[in-house]
Amino acid sequence: MVIEDDMNLAELLKYELMDSGFHVSYFKSGRKAFQKLKSSPPDAIVLDILLEEGEMDGWAILKELKGSSDLNEISVFVSTALDEREKGISLGAKDYLVKPYKPSQLSKVIMHTLLSNGKQGQILIPQAFHGENKG
């Protein structure tokens, strides 16, 4: 799952991850993404910290995930412009990439983590870009 409010970056990440063999879904809305992952947990999440105003931000999502006995095993990879790596790792992120970085770097980090955990690569990215109503 990719949770990213920048549509261009989300598309770039989606195609990079798909080219690496991942199944990818994505969300622009932190709240909608969190609802979806509760019902259908992905193997990994690529999480932006700064989401649209009024939305559940990345810190809130990370705290909810890591505080949930059902969801705390999901690998979370933070992808953000905020240089707060220590905070992200302390909240349970597997890795913390500060934008800009090469999308291939993200794919490699995720692939390595999932393979070492015996996962196959179901990654959820916000549906916002598949005709989600914006009103």
Protein backbone atom coordinates (compact mmCIF):
# COMPACT_ATOMS: atom_id res chain seq x y z
CA MET A 1 0.00 0.00 0.00
CA VAL A 2 1.29 3.46 -0.83
CA ILE A 3 -0.21 6.35 1.13
CA GLU A 4 0.89 9.51 -0.67
CA ASP A 5 -1.01 12.72 -1.48
CA ASP A 6 1.32 13.75 -4.32
CA MET A 7 -0.29 12.02 -7.30
CA ASN A 8 2.80 12.29 -9.53
CA LEU A 9 5.06 10.72 -6.92
CA ALA A 10 2.47 8.04 -6.13
CA GLU A 11 2.30 7.08 -9.80
CA LEU A 12 6.09 6.97 -10.03
CA LEU A 13 6.32 4.77 -6.93
CA LYS A 14 3.49 2.56 -8.14
CA TYR A 15 5.15 1.80 -11.47
CA GLU A 16 8.59 1.33 -9.91
CA LEU A 17 7.14 -1.16 -7.43
CA MET A 18 5.07 -2.94 -10.07
CA ASP A 19 8.16 -3.26 -12.27
CA SER A 20 9.81 -4.96 -9.29
CA GLY A 21 6.98 -7.50 -9.16
CA PHE A 22 4.83 -6.01 -6.39
CA HIS A 23 1.05 -5.83 -6.39
CA VAL A 24 0.33 -2.19 -5.54
CA SER A 25 -2.70 -0.22 -4.42
CA TYR A 26 -2.59 3.40 -3.31
CA PHE A 27 -4.47 6.03 -1.38
CA LYS A 28 -4.33 9.78 -1.17
CA SER A 29 -6.40 9.86 2.02
CA GLY A 30 -4.77 8.62 5.22
CA ARG A 31 -8.17 7.91 6.77
CA LYS A 32 -9.41 5.86 3.80
CA ALA A 33 -6.11 4.00 3.57
CA PHE A 34 -6.28 3.09 7.25
CA GLN A 35 -9.86 1.80 6.87
CA LYS A 36 -8.79 -0.35 3.91
CA LEU A 37 -5.71 -1.78 5.57
CA LYS A 38 -7.75 -2.79 8.62
CA SER A 39 -9.97 -4.97 6.41
CA SER A 40 -7.26 -6.11 4.01
CA PRO A 41 -3.77 -5.76 5.55
CA PRO A 42 -0.93 -5.41 3.02
CA ASP A 43 2.54 -6.89 3.48
CA ALA A 44 4.08 -3.41 3.44
CA ILE A 45 3.12 0.26 3.45
CA VAL A 46 4.94 3.17 1.84
CA LEU A 47 3.85 6.07 4.02
CA ASP A 48 4.12 9.80 3.46
CA ILE A 49 4.05 11.79 6.70
CA LEU A 50 2.56 15.04 5.38
CA LEU A 51 -0.85 14.24 3.91
CA GLU A 52 -3.65 16.60 2.88
CA GLU A 53 -4.79 19.05 5.53
CA GLY A 54 -7.53 17.64 7.71
CA GLU A 55 -6.40 14.09 6.99
CA MET A 56 -4.95 11.47 9.28
CA ASP A 57 -1.22 12.17 8.85
CA GLY A 58 1.56 9.62 8.58
CA TRP A 59 2.57 9.89 12.24
CA ALA A 60 -1.00 9.07 13.32
CA ILE A 61 -1.16 6.11 10.94
CA LEU A 62 2.20 4.77 12.15
CA LYS A 63 1.15 5.08 15.81
CA GLU A 64 -2.19 3.34 15.14
CA LEU A 65 -0.52 0.52 13.24
CA LYS A 66 2.16 -0.13 15.80
CA GLY A 67 -0.40 0.07 18.65
CA SER A 68 -2.63 -2.58 17.05
CA SER A 69 -2.04 -6.25 17.80
CA ASP A 70 -3.56 -7.14 14.40
CA LEU A 71 -1.56 -4.66 12.31
CA ASN A 72 1.75 -4.10 14.10
CA GLU A 73 3.61 -6.69 11.99
CA ILE A 74 3.08 -4.75 8.73
CA SER A 75 6.39 -3.35 7.46
CA VAL A 76 6.18 0.43 7.10
CA PHE A 77 8.58 2.43 4.93
CA VAL A 78 8.35 6.18 5.47
CA SER A 79 8.72 8.29 2.32
CA THR A 80 8.69 11.98 3.22
CA ALA A 81 10.31 15.38 2.87
CA LEU A 82 10.62 15.62 6.67
CA ASP A 83 14.08 14.74 7.93
CA GLU A 84 12.91 13.08 11.16
CA ARG A 85 14.38 9.61 10.69
CA GLU A 86 14.95 9.01 14.41
CA LYS A 87 11.29 9.69 15.20
CA GLY A 88 10.09 7.45 12.35
CA ILE A 89 12.30 4.54 13.35
CA SER A 90 11.37 4.95 17.04
CA LEU A 91 7.69 4.75 16.08
CA GLY A 92 8.30 1.45 14.29
CA ALA A 93 9.14 2.25 10.66
CA LYS A 94 11.39 -0.37 8.99
CA ASP A 95 13.15 2.34 7.02
CA TYR A 96 12.90 6.10 6.53
CA LEU A 97 13.64 7.67 3.15
CA VAL A 98 13.86 11.44 2.80
CA LYS A 99 12.63 12.85 -0.53
CA PRO A 100 14.05 13.15 -3.08
CA TYR A 101 15.44 9.64 -3.46
CA LYS A 102 15.57 7.20 -6.35
CA PRO A 103 12.39 5.05 -6.54
CA SER A 104 14.65 2.04 -7.19
CA GLN A 105 16.12 2.59 -3.71
CA LEU A 106 12.65 2.14 -2.20
CA SER A 107 12.01 -1.03 -4.21
CA LYS A 108 15.28 -2.56 -3.07
CA VAL A 109 14.64 -1.78 0.60
CA ILE A 110 11.11 -3.21 0.46
CA MET A 111 12.16 -6.30 -1.48
CA HIS A 112 14.96 -7.06 0.96
CA THR A 113 12.68 -6.64 3.99
CA LEU A 114 9.78 -8.67 2.59
CA LEU A 115 11.98 -11.51 1.42
CA SER A 116 13.69 -11.71 4.79
CA ASN A 117 10.21 -11.88 6.39
CA GLY A 118 8.94 -14.51 3.92
CA LYS A 119 6.37 -12.16 2.36
CA GLN A 120 5.32 -11.99 -1.30
CA GLY A 121 4.75 -8.29 -1.83
CA GLN A 122 1.17 -7.15 -1.45
CA ILE A 123 1.59 -3.39 -1.17
CA LEU A 124 -1.42 -1.13 -0.71
CA ILE A 125 -1.43 2.32 -2.32
CA PRO A 126 -4.35 4.78 -2.03
CA GLN A 127 -7.27 4.33 -4.41
CA ALA A 128 -7.53 8.11 -4.84
CA PHE A 129 -6.00 7.86 -8.27
CA HIS A 130 -8.47 5.28 -9.52
CA GLY A 131 -11.45 7.61 -9.70
CA GLU A 132 -12.00 8.25 -5.99
CA ASN A 133 -14.52 11.02 -5.46
CA LYS A 134 -12.83 14.18 -4.35
CA GLY A 135 -16.00 15.93 -3.18
